Amino acid sequence: MSAILVALMLASAAGGAQARPMIGEDVARVQWDMAENRAQCAPLALLSDGGAKGKARAADFSGGWAVAFDLPGKRSAYGFAGPGIILMDAEPDAAQRARLDRQWPYRRTLAALPGPAFAGYGLIGAEPYPAANPEGKGSQSLAYLRIDGQRCTYNVWSRIGRAHLETLLDNLRLQD
């Protein structure tokens, strides 16, 4: 009998750890529920925002959904979005990877998401980080992200810096 009780306690503790809300999940879910692209572009949320602790709010993305995070004195300091679907979003994964590789100066494989999942990123305008500011501190970093099973090309941004954008990419999760 005590083995059953211990098993129940462990299961309860494990369930409680998994039930911890992700960052931005409520706002993303509400926006996604109203989005035109909801059948092709699942909502995301963050396990961690790298300690930035921004305040989540809905943001406009035509045909899609978005969550922006505001910091004191910095509106839309970072965020993520499932934008409206465009024709090239229907291309297979290999073509999507090739497109992002051609477009962006940096690439990242995202093993924590259903794969293949990958991103191309840099400064807004698909520019590399300059030698004088290789960490992109205070610059507008942007990533285009593809996740297996999703038709949209997600957007992830940070006006904090490159390392922050990379932290966001590594901590994104699909919502159930």
N, C-alpha and C. Protein backbone atom coordinates (compact mmCIF):
# COMPACT_ATOMS: atom_id res chain seq x y z
N MET A 1 0.82 -1.20 0.00
CA MET A 1 0.00 0.00 0.00
C MET A 1 0.86 1.26 0.00
N SER A 2 1.95 1.27 0.77
CA SER A 2 2.80 2.46 0.81
C SER A 2 3.50 2.69 -0.53
N ALA A 3 3.80 1.64 -1.29
CA ALA A 3 4.40 1.80 -2.61
C ALA A 3 3.44 2.54 -3.55
N ILE A 4 2.15 2.24 -3.44
CA ILE A 4 1.15 2.91 -4.25
C ILE A 4 1.07 4.39 -3.87
N LEU A 5 1.10 4.68 -2.59
CA LEU A 5 1.05 6.06 -2.12
C LEU A 5 2.26 6.84 -2.61
N VAL A 6 3.45 6.23 -2.53
CA VAL A 6 4.68 6.89 -3.02
C VAL A 6 4.57 7.14 -4.52
N ALA A 7 4.07 6.16 -5.27
CA ALA A 7 3.91 6.32 -6.72
C ALA A 7 2.95 7.46 -7.04
N LEU A 8 1.86 7.54 -6.30
CA LEU A 8 0.90 8.63 -6.51
C LEU A 8 1.51 9.99 -6.20
N MET A 9 2.30 10.05 -5.13
CA MET A 9 2.95 11.31 -4.76
C MET A 9 3.96 11.72 -5.84
N LEU A 10 4.72 10.77 -6.35
CA LEU A 10 5.69 11.08 -7.40
C LEU A 10 4.98 11.54 -8.67
N ALA A 11 3.91 10.87 -9.04
CA ALA A 11 3.14 11.25 -10.22
C ALA A 11 2.56 12.64 -10.05
N SER A 12 2.06 12.94 -8.85
CA SER A 12 1.51 14.26 -8.58
C SER A 12 2.58 15.33 -8.66
N ALA A 13 3.75 15.05 -8.10
CA ALA A 13 4.85 16.01 -8.15
C ALA A 13 5.30 16.24 -9.58
N ALA A 14 5.41 15.17 -10.37
CA ALA A 14 5.81 15.31 -11.76
C ALA A 14 4.77 16.10 -12.54
N GLY A 15 3.51 15.83 -12.30
CA GLY A 15 2.44 16.57 -12.97
C GLY A 15 2.47 18.03 -12.61
N GLY A 16 2.77 18.36 -11.36
CA GLY A 16 2.85 19.75 -10.92
C GLY A 16 3.99 20.47 -11.61
N ALA A 17 5.13 19.78 -11.81
CA ALA A 17 6.27 20.40 -12.48
C ALA A 17 5.93 20.69 -13.94
N GLN A 18 5.20 19.79 -14.59
CA GLN A 18 4.85 19.99 -15.98
C GLN A 18 3.75 21.03 -16.13
N ALA A 19 2.95 21.23 -15.11
CA ALA A 19 1.83 22.15 -15.18
C ALA A 19 2.23 23.61 -15.01
N ARG A 20 3.51 23.85 -14.69
CA ARG A 20 3.97 25.23 -14.53
C ARG A 20 3.69 26.01 -15.81
N PRO A 21 3.03 27.15 -15.71
CA PRO A 21 2.70 27.89 -16.93
C PRO A 21 3.96 28.37 -17.65
N MET A 22 3.89 28.34 -18.96
CA MET A 22 4.98 28.88 -19.76
C MET A 22 4.75 30.37 -19.96
N ILE A 23 5.79 31.06 -20.28
CA ILE A 23 5.75 32.52 -20.43
C ILE A 23 5.04 32.88 -21.73
N GLY A 24 4.03 33.71 -21.62
CA GLY A 24 3.28 34.19 -22.78
C GLY A 24 2.22 33.24 -23.30
N GLU A 25 2.04 32.09 -22.64
CA GLU A 25 1.12 31.09 -23.19
C GLU A 25 -0.33 31.55 -23.21
N ASP A 26 -0.78 32.24 -22.17
CA ASP A 26 -2.19 32.67 -22.14
C ASP A 26 -2.49 33.69 -23.23
N VAL A 27 -1.60 34.66 -23.40
CA VAL A 27 -1.80 35.68 -24.44
C VAL A 27 -1.75 35.03 -25.81
N ALA A 28 -0.77 34.14 -26.02
CA ALA A 28 -0.65 33.46 -27.32
C ALA A 28 -1.90 32.65 -27.63
N ARG A 29 -2.42 31.95 -26.64
CA ARG A 29 -3.59 31.10 -26.87
C ARG A 29 -4.81 31.94 -27.25
N VAL A 30 -5.02 33.05 -26.56
CA VAL A 30 -6.17 33.92 -26.88
C VAL A 30 -6.02 34.48 -28.29
N GLN A 31 -4.81 34.95 -28.64
CA GLN A 31 -4.59 35.51 -29.98
C GLN A 31 -4.74 34.44 -31.06
N TRP A 32 -4.19 33.26 -30.79
CA TRP A 32 -4.26 32.15 -31.74
C TRP A 32 -5.72 31.73 -31.98
N ASP A 33 -6.53 31.73 -30.91
CA ASP A 33 -7.94 31.37 -31.04
C ASP A 33 -8.67 32.26 -32.04
N MET A 34 -8.22 33.49 -32.23
CA MET A 34 -8.87 34.45 -33.13
C MET A 34 -8.18 34.55 -34.49
N ALA A 35 -7.05 33.88 -34.68
CA ALA A 35 -6.24 34.06 -35.88
C ALA A 35 -6.78 33.30 -37.09
N GLU A 36 -6.58 33.89 -38.26
CA GLU A 36 -6.96 33.25 -39.51
C GLU A 36 -6.12 32.00 -39.78
N ASN A 37 -4.88 31.98 -39.31
CA ASN A 37 -3.94 30.90 -39.64
C ASN A 37 -3.89 29.79 -38.59
N ARG A 38 -4.84 29.73 -37.71
CA ARG A 38 -4.75 28.80 -36.58
C ARG A 38 -4.65 27.34 -36.98
N ALA A 39 -5.15 26.95 -38.14
CA ALA A 39 -5.05 25.55 -38.57
C ALA A 39 -3.64 25.19 -39.05
N GLN A 40 -2.83 26.19 -39.40
CA GLN A 40 -1.50 25.93 -39.95
C GLN A 40 -0.36 26.44 -39.07
N CYS A 41 -0.67 27.08 -37.94
CA CYS A 41 0.37 27.78 -37.19
C CYS A 41 0.07 27.72 -35.69
N ALA A 42 0.50 26.64 -35.05
CA ALA A 42 0.20 26.40 -33.63
C ALA A 42 0.79 27.50 -32.74
N PRO A 43 0.17 27.74 -31.60
CA PRO A 43 0.70 28.75 -30.68
C PRO A 43 1.98 28.28 -30.00
N LEU A 44 2.82 29.24 -29.69
CA LEU A 44 4.09 29.00 -28.99
C LEU A 44 4.02 29.61 -27.59
N ALA A 45 5.00 29.27 -26.78
CA ALA A 45 5.22 29.90 -25.48
C ALA A 45 6.68 29.67 -25.12
N LEU A 46 7.14 30.32 -24.06
CA LEU A 46 8.54 30.23 -23.65
C LEU A 46 8.68 29.52 -22.31
N LEU A 47 9.68 28.66 -22.22
CA LEU A 47 10.06 28.10 -20.92
C LEU A 47 10.80 29.14 -20.10
N SER A 48 11.58 29.98 -20.78
CA SER A 48 12.35 31.05 -20.13
C SER A 48 12.48 32.22 -21.10
N ASP A 49 12.49 33.42 -20.55
CA ASP A 49 12.75 34.60 -21.38
C ASP A 49 14.14 35.17 -21.06
N GLY A 50 14.99 34.33 -20.53
CA GLY A 50 16.36 34.76 -20.24
C GLY A 50 16.45 35.76 -19.10
N GLY A 51 15.42 35.80 -18.26
CA GLY A 51 15.42 36.71 -17.12
C GLY A 51 14.96 38.11 -17.44
N ALA A 52 14.51 38.35 -18.65
CA ALA A 52 14.08 39.71 -19.04
C ALA A 52 12.83 40.15 -18.30
N LYS A 53 11.92 39.23 -18.04
CA LYS A 53 10.70 39.50 -17.27
C LYS A 53 9.83 40.61 -17.84
N GLY A 54 9.66 40.59 -19.16
CA GLY A 54 8.78 41.57 -19.79
C GLY A 54 7.33 41.27 -19.52
N LYS A 55 6.49 42.27 -19.76
CA LYS A 55 5.04 42.11 -19.58
C LYS A 55 4.44 41.73 -20.93
N ALA A 56 3.81 40.54 -20.98
CA ALA A 56 3.22 40.03 -22.22
C ALA A 56 1.96 40.79 -22.59
N ARG A 57 1.81 41.01 -23.90
CA ARG A 57 0.58 41.63 -24.42
C ARG A 57 0.36 41.15 -25.85
N ALA A 58 -0.86 41.28 -26.30
CA ALA A 58 -1.18 40.93 -27.68
C ALA A 58 -0.55 41.95 -28.61
N ALA A 59 -0.11 41.47 -29.77
CA ALA A 59 0.44 42.34 -30.80
C ALA A 59 -0.22 41.97 -32.13
N ASP A 60 -0.32 42.92 -33.04
CA ASP A 60 -0.96 42.69 -34.33
C ASP A 60 0.01 42.07 -35.32
N PHE A 61 -0.41 41.00 -35.95
CA PHE A 61 0.30 40.38 -37.06
C PHE A 61 -0.77 39.96 -38.05
N SER A 62 -0.85 40.61 -39.17
CA SER A 62 -1.91 40.41 -40.14
C SER A 62 -2.08 38.93 -40.48
N GLY A 63 -3.30 38.44 -40.30
CA GLY A 63 -3.63 37.06 -40.63
C GLY A 63 -3.17 36.05 -39.61
N GLY A 64 -2.44 36.49 -38.60
CA GLY A 64 -1.90 35.57 -37.61
C GLY A 64 -2.08 36.07 -36.20
N TRP A 65 -1.12 35.74 -35.35
CA TRP A 65 -1.18 36.08 -33.93
C TRP A 65 0.23 36.46 -33.48
N ALA A 66 0.32 37.19 -32.37
CA ALA A 66 1.63 37.57 -31.85
C ALA A 66 1.55 37.92 -30.37
N VAL A 67 2.68 37.71 -29.70
CA VAL A 67 2.85 38.11 -28.31
C VAL A 67 4.09 38.97 -28.24
N ALA A 68 3.93 40.19 -27.76
CA ALA A 68 5.06 41.10 -27.55
C ALA A 68 5.24 41.27 -26.05
N PHE A 69 6.48 41.50 -25.65
CA PHE A 69 6.81 41.72 -24.25
C PHE A 69 7.40 43.11 -24.10
N ASP A 70 6.80 43.89 -23.22
CA ASP A 70 7.26 45.25 -22.97
C ASP A 70 8.11 45.28 -21.71
N LEU A 71 9.17 46.07 -21.76
CA LEU A 71 10.01 46.36 -20.60
C LEU A 71 9.85 47.83 -20.27
N PRO A 72 10.17 48.24 -19.07
CA PRO A 72 10.10 49.67 -18.76
C PRO A 72 10.91 50.49 -19.78
N GLY A 73 10.25 51.40 -20.46
CA GLY A 73 10.92 52.26 -21.43
C GLY A 73 11.20 51.59 -22.77
N LYS A 74 10.76 50.35 -22.97
CA LYS A 74 11.03 49.66 -24.24
C LYS A 74 9.82 48.81 -24.63
N ARG A 75 8.96 49.41 -25.47
CA ARG A 75 7.79 48.68 -25.96
C ARG A 75 8.25 47.63 -26.98
N SER A 76 7.63 46.47 -26.93
CA SER A 76 7.94 45.36 -27.84
C SER A 76 9.43 45.02 -27.81
N ALA A 77 9.96 44.88 -26.60
CA ALA A 77 11.39 44.57 -26.43
C ALA A 77 11.74 43.21 -27.00
N TYR A 78 10.79 42.28 -26.96
CA TYR A 78 10.98 40.96 -27.55
C TYR A 78 9.63 40.32 -27.75
N GLY A 79 9.61 39.23 -28.50
CA GLY A 79 8.34 38.56 -28.71
C GLY A 79 8.44 37.46 -29.74
N PHE A 80 7.28 36.88 -30.03
CA PHE A 80 7.19 35.83 -31.04
C PHE A 80 5.83 35.91 -31.71
N ALA A 81 5.77 35.43 -32.96
CA ALA A 81 4.54 35.56 -33.73
C ALA A 81 4.40 34.42 -34.72
N GLY A 82 3.16 34.09 -35.00
CA GLY A 82 2.79 33.19 -36.08
C GLY A 82 2.09 34.03 -37.12
N PRO A 83 2.84 34.55 -38.08
CA PRO A 83 2.24 35.48 -39.05
C PRO A 83 1.34 34.77 -40.05
N GLY A 84 0.61 35.56 -40.81
CA GLY A 84 -0.25 35.02 -41.85
C GLY A 84 0.54 34.15 -42.82
N ILE A 85 -0.15 33.22 -43.44
CA ILE A 85 0.46 32.26 -44.36
C ILE A 85 0.68 32.92 -45.72
N ILE A 86 1.87 32.68 -46.29
CA ILE A 86 2.16 33.14 -47.65
C ILE A 86 2.45 31.92 -48.51
N LEU A 87 2.43 32.07 -49.81
CA LEU A 87 2.55 30.96 -50.75
C LEU A 87 3.78 30.09 -50.49
N MET A 88 4.93 30.71 -50.26
CA MET A 88 6.17 29.93 -50.08
C MET A 88 6.16 29.10 -48.79
N ASP A 89 5.25 29.37 -47.86
CA ASP A 89 5.17 28.58 -46.63
C ASP A 89 4.79 27.13 -46.89
N ALA A 90 4.22 26.83 -48.07
CA ALA A 90 3.80 25.47 -48.39
C ALA A 90 4.96 24.60 -48.90
N GLU A 91 6.12 25.19 -49.14
CA GLU A 91 7.25 24.43 -49.67
C GLU A 91 7.74 23.40 -48.64
N PRO A 92 8.36 22.30 -49.09
CA PRO A 92 8.85 21.28 -48.16
C PRO A 92 9.99 21.80 -47.28
N ASP A 93 10.27 21.05 -46.19
CA ASP A 93 11.29 21.46 -45.22
C ASP A 93 12.64 21.78 -45.85
N ALA A 94 13.08 20.95 -46.78
CA ALA A 94 14.40 21.18 -47.40
C ALA A 94 14.43 22.52 -48.13
N ALA A 95 13.36 22.85 -48.82
CA ALA A 95 13.29 24.14 -49.52
C ALA A 95 13.23 25.29 -48.52
N GLN A 96 12.51 25.09 -47.41
CA GLN A 96 12.44 26.14 -46.38
C GLN A 96 13.81 26.38 -45.76
N ARG A 97 14.53 25.29 -45.46
CA ARG A 97 15.88 25.45 -44.89
C ARG A 97 16.80 26.18 -45.87
N ALA A 98 16.74 25.80 -47.13
CA ALA A 98 17.58 26.46 -48.15
C ALA A 98 17.23 27.95 -48.26
N ARG A 99 15.94 28.25 -48.20
CA ARG A 99 15.51 29.66 -48.27
C ARG A 99 16.06 30.46 -47.10
N LEU A 100 15.92 29.93 -45.87
CA LEU A 100 16.41 30.65 -44.70
C LEU A 100 17.94 30.73 -44.70
N ASP A 101 18.61 29.68 -45.18
CA ASP A 101 20.07 29.71 -45.27
C ASP A 101 20.55 30.80 -46.22
N ARG A 102 19.83 30.98 -47.33
CA ARG A 102 20.20 32.04 -48.30
C ARG A 102 19.89 33.43 -47.74
N GLN A 103 18.80 33.53 -47.00
CA GLN A 103 18.32 34.85 -46.56
C GLN A 103 19.05 35.38 -45.34
N TRP A 104 19.39 34.52 -44.39
CA TRP A 104 19.90 34.99 -43.09
C TRP A 104 21.38 34.66 -42.90
N PRO A 105 22.12 35.53 -42.22
CA PRO A 105 23.55 35.28 -42.02
C PRO A 105 23.86 34.22 -40.96
N TYR A 106 22.91 33.91 -40.06
CA TYR A 106 23.15 32.94 -38.98
C TYR A 106 22.03 31.91 -38.99
N ARG A 107 22.38 30.70 -38.56
CA ARG A 107 21.42 29.60 -38.53
C ARG A 107 21.47 28.90 -37.19
N ARG A 108 20.34 28.27 -36.84
CA ARG A 108 20.29 27.54 -35.58
C ARG A 108 19.30 26.39 -35.73
N THR A 109 19.72 25.19 -35.32
CA THR A 109 18.84 24.04 -35.25
C THR A 109 18.21 24.04 -33.86
N LEU A 110 16.92 23.77 -33.80
CA LEU A 110 16.18 23.86 -32.54
C LEU A 110 15.69 22.47 -32.13
N ALA A 111 16.53 21.75 -31.43
CA ALA A 111 16.29 20.35 -31.10
C ALA A 111 15.13 20.14 -30.13
N ALA A 112 14.74 21.16 -29.38
CA ALA A 112 13.66 21.00 -28.40
C ALA A 112 12.27 21.07 -29.03
N LEU A 113 12.20 21.42 -30.30
CA LEU A 113 10.92 21.50 -31.01
C LEU A 113 10.79 20.31 -31.96
N PRO A 114 9.57 19.97 -32.37
CA PRO A 114 9.41 18.88 -33.32
C PRO A 114 10.24 19.15 -34.59
N GLY A 115 11.01 18.18 -35.00
CA GLY A 115 11.95 18.41 -36.09
C GLY A 115 11.52 17.80 -37.40
N PRO A 116 12.10 18.41 -38.42
CA PRO A 116 13.14 19.41 -38.31
C PRO A 116 12.58 20.77 -37.87
N ALA A 117 13.32 21.42 -36.99
CA ALA A 117 13.01 22.79 -36.56
C ALA A 117 14.30 23.58 -36.67
N PHE A 118 14.23 24.72 -37.32
CA PHE A 118 15.44 25.50 -37.56
C PHE A 118 15.07 26.97 -37.73
N ALA A 119 16.08 27.81 -37.54
CA ALA A 119 15.87 29.26 -37.67
C ALA A 119 17.03 29.88 -38.43
N GLY A 120 16.71 30.94 -39.14
CA GLY A 120 17.70 31.83 -39.71
C GLY A 120 17.53 33.16 -39.00
N TYR A 121 18.63 33.81 -38.66
CA TYR A 121 18.48 35.04 -37.88
C TYR A 121 19.64 36.01 -38.10
N GLY A 122 19.45 37.21 -37.57
CA GLY A 122 20.43 38.29 -37.65
C GLY A 122 19.74 39.58 -37.26
N LEU A 123 20.26 40.66 -37.77
CA LEU A 123 19.61 41.95 -37.55
C LEU A 123 18.44 42.10 -38.52
N ILE A 124 17.48 42.93 -38.16
CA ILE A 124 16.35 43.19 -39.06
C ILE A 124 16.93 43.60 -40.42
N GLY A 125 16.32 43.07 -41.47
CA GLY A 125 16.83 43.28 -42.81
C GLY A 125 17.76 42.14 -43.23
N ALA A 126 17.83 41.09 -42.40
CA ALA A 126 18.67 39.91 -42.67
C ALA A 126 20.14 40.30 -42.77
N GLU A 127 20.56 41.20 -41.91
CA GLU A 127 21.94 41.67 -41.90
C GLU A 127 22.73 40.98 -40.79
N PRO A 128 24.04 40.83 -40.98
CA PRO A 128 24.87 40.27 -39.91
C PRO A 128 25.09 41.31 -38.80
N TYR A 129 25.50 40.82 -37.64
CA TYR A 129 25.86 41.73 -36.55
C TYR A 129 27.19 42.39 -36.91
N PRO A 130 27.32 43.69 -36.71
CA PRO A 130 28.57 44.37 -37.09
C PRO A 130 29.73 44.01 -36.17
N ALA A 131 30.93 44.11 -36.69
CA ALA A 131 32.14 43.81 -35.91
C ALA A 131 32.21 44.65 -34.64
N ALA A 132 31.69 45.88 -34.70
CA ALA A 132 31.72 46.77 -33.54
C ALA A 132 30.70 46.38 -32.47
N ASN A 133 29.71 45.54 -32.83
CA ASN A 133 28.67 45.11 -31.89
C ASN A 133 28.25 43.68 -32.24
N PRO A 134 29.17 42.70 -32.12
CA PRO A 134 28.85 41.33 -32.54
C PRO A 134 27.74 40.68 -31.70
N GLU A 135 27.49 41.20 -30.52
CA GLU A 135 26.42 40.67 -29.68
C GLU A 135 25.09 41.37 -29.94
N GLY A 136 25.09 42.37 -30.81
CA GLY A 136 23.85 43.04 -31.17
C GLY A 136 23.15 43.73 -30.02
N LYS A 137 23.89 44.13 -29.01
CA LYS A 137 23.27 44.76 -27.83
C LYS A 137 22.50 46.01 -28.24
N GLY A 138 21.21 46.02 -27.88
CA GLY A 138 20.34 47.15 -28.17
C GLY A 138 19.86 47.21 -29.61
N SER A 139 20.30 46.29 -30.44
CA SER A 139 19.88 46.26 -31.85
C SER A 139 18.63 45.41 -32.01
N GLN A 140 17.98 45.54 -33.15
CA GLN A 140 16.77 44.76 -33.41
C GLN A 140 17.13 43.45 -34.10
N SER A 141 17.19 42.39 -33.30
CA SER A 141 17.46 41.06 -33.82
C SER A 141 16.15 40.39 -34.20
N LEU A 142 16.20 39.61 -35.28
CA LEU A 142 15.00 38.94 -35.78
C LEU A 142 15.38 37.55 -36.26
N ALA A 143 14.49 36.59 -36.03
CA ALA A 143 14.66 35.23 -36.55
C ALA A 143 13.39 34.80 -37.26
N TYR A 144 13.58 34.05 -38.35
CA TYR A 144 12.49 33.34 -39.01
C TYR A 144 12.68 31.88 -38.63
N LEU A 145 11.61 31.25 -38.19
CA LEU A 145 11.67 29.92 -37.60
C LEU A 145 10.67 28.99 -38.27
N ARG A 146 11.13 27.78 -38.59
CA ARG A 146 10.27 26.74 -39.14
C ARG A 146 10.23 25.57 -38.18
N ILE A 147 9.04 25.00 -37.99
CA ILE A 147 8.85 23.85 -37.10
C ILE A 147 8.09 22.78 -37.88
N ASP A 148 8.58 21.55 -37.81
CA ASP A 148 7.93 20.45 -38.50
C ASP A 148 6.45 20.37 -38.13
N GLY A 149 5.62 20.17 -39.15
CA GLY A 149 4.19 20.04 -38.93
C GLY A 149 3.44 21.36 -38.94
N GLN A 150 4.15 22.48 -38.99
CA GLN A 150 3.53 23.80 -39.03
C GLN A 150 3.79 24.42 -40.40
N ARG A 151 2.81 25.11 -40.93
CA ARG A 151 2.96 25.66 -42.27
C ARG A 151 3.51 27.09 -42.25
N CYS A 152 3.41 27.79 -41.16
CA CYS A 152 3.85 29.19 -41.12
C CYS A 152 5.35 29.30 -40.85
N THR A 153 5.88 30.46 -41.16
CA THR A 153 7.25 30.82 -40.81
C THR A 153 7.14 31.78 -39.62
N TYR A 154 7.41 31.26 -38.43
CA TYR A 154 7.29 32.06 -37.21
C TYR A 154 8.33 33.18 -37.20
N ASN A 155 8.01 34.27 -36.53
CA ASN A 155 8.93 35.37 -36.28
C ASN A 155 9.24 35.41 -34.78
N VAL A 156 10.51 35.62 -34.44
CA VAL A 156 10.94 35.81 -33.06
C VAL A 156 11.87 37.01 -33.08
N TRP A 157 11.70 37.93 -32.12
CA TRP A 157 12.54 39.12 -32.12
C TRP A 157 13.00 39.50 -30.73
N SER A 158 14.10 40.24 -30.71
CA SER A 158 14.62 40.81 -29.46
C SER A 158 15.33 42.11 -29.77
N ARG A 159 15.01 43.12 -28.98
CA ARG A 159 15.72 44.39 -29.05
C ARG A 159 16.73 44.48 -27.91
N ILE A 160 16.96 43.36 -27.24
CA ILE A 160 17.92 43.31 -26.13
C ILE A 160 19.30 42.91 -26.65
N GLY A 161 19.35 41.90 -27.51
CA GLY A 161 20.63 41.48 -28.07
C GLY A 161 20.58 40.09 -28.67
N ARG A 162 21.67 39.73 -29.31
CA ARG A 162 21.79 38.44 -29.98
C ARG A 162 21.65 37.27 -29.01
N ALA A 163 22.35 37.32 -27.89
CA ALA A 163 22.29 36.23 -26.92
C ALA A 163 20.86 36.05 -26.41
N HIS A 164 20.15 37.15 -26.24
CA HIS A 164 18.76 37.06 -25.78
C HIS A 164 17.89 36.40 -26.85
N LEU A 165 18.07 36.78 -28.11
CA LEU A 165 17.31 36.14 -29.19
C LEU A 165 17.60 34.64 -29.22
N GLU A 166 18.86 34.26 -29.09
CA GLU A 166 19.22 32.84 -29.09
C GLU A 166 18.60 32.11 -27.90
N THR A 167 18.53 32.77 -26.75
CA THR A 167 17.87 32.18 -25.58
C THR A 167 16.38 31.97 -25.86
N LEU A 168 15.74 32.95 -26.47
CA LEU A 168 14.32 32.80 -26.81
C LEU A 168 14.13 31.62 -27.75
N LEU A 169 14.94 31.53 -28.79
CA LEU A 169 14.83 30.42 -29.74
C LEU A 169 14.96 29.07 -29.04
N ASP A 170 15.92 28.97 -28.14
CA ASP A 170 16.16 27.71 -27.44
C ASP A 170 15.06 27.36 -26.44
N ASN A 171 14.27 28.35 -26.04
CA ASN A 171 13.25 28.11 -25.01
C ASN A 171 11.82 28.13 -25.55
N LEU A 172 11.65 28.26 -26.85
CA LEU A 172 10.30 28.20 -27.43
C LEU A 172 9.77 26.77 -27.42
N ARG A 173 8.49 26.65 -27.15
CA ARG A 173 7.82 25.36 -27.17
C ARG A 173 6.46 25.53 -27.84
N LEU A 174 6.03 24.48 -28.55
CA LEU A 174 4.67 24.46 -29.06
C LEU A 174 3.71 24.22 -27.91
N GLN A 175 2.59 24.89 -27.91
CA GLN A 175 1.56 24.61 -26.92
C GLN A 175 0.76 23.39 -27.36
N ASP A 176 0.27 22.67 -26.37
CA ASP A 176 -0.58 21.49 -26.68
C ASP A 176 -1.92 21.92 -27.20
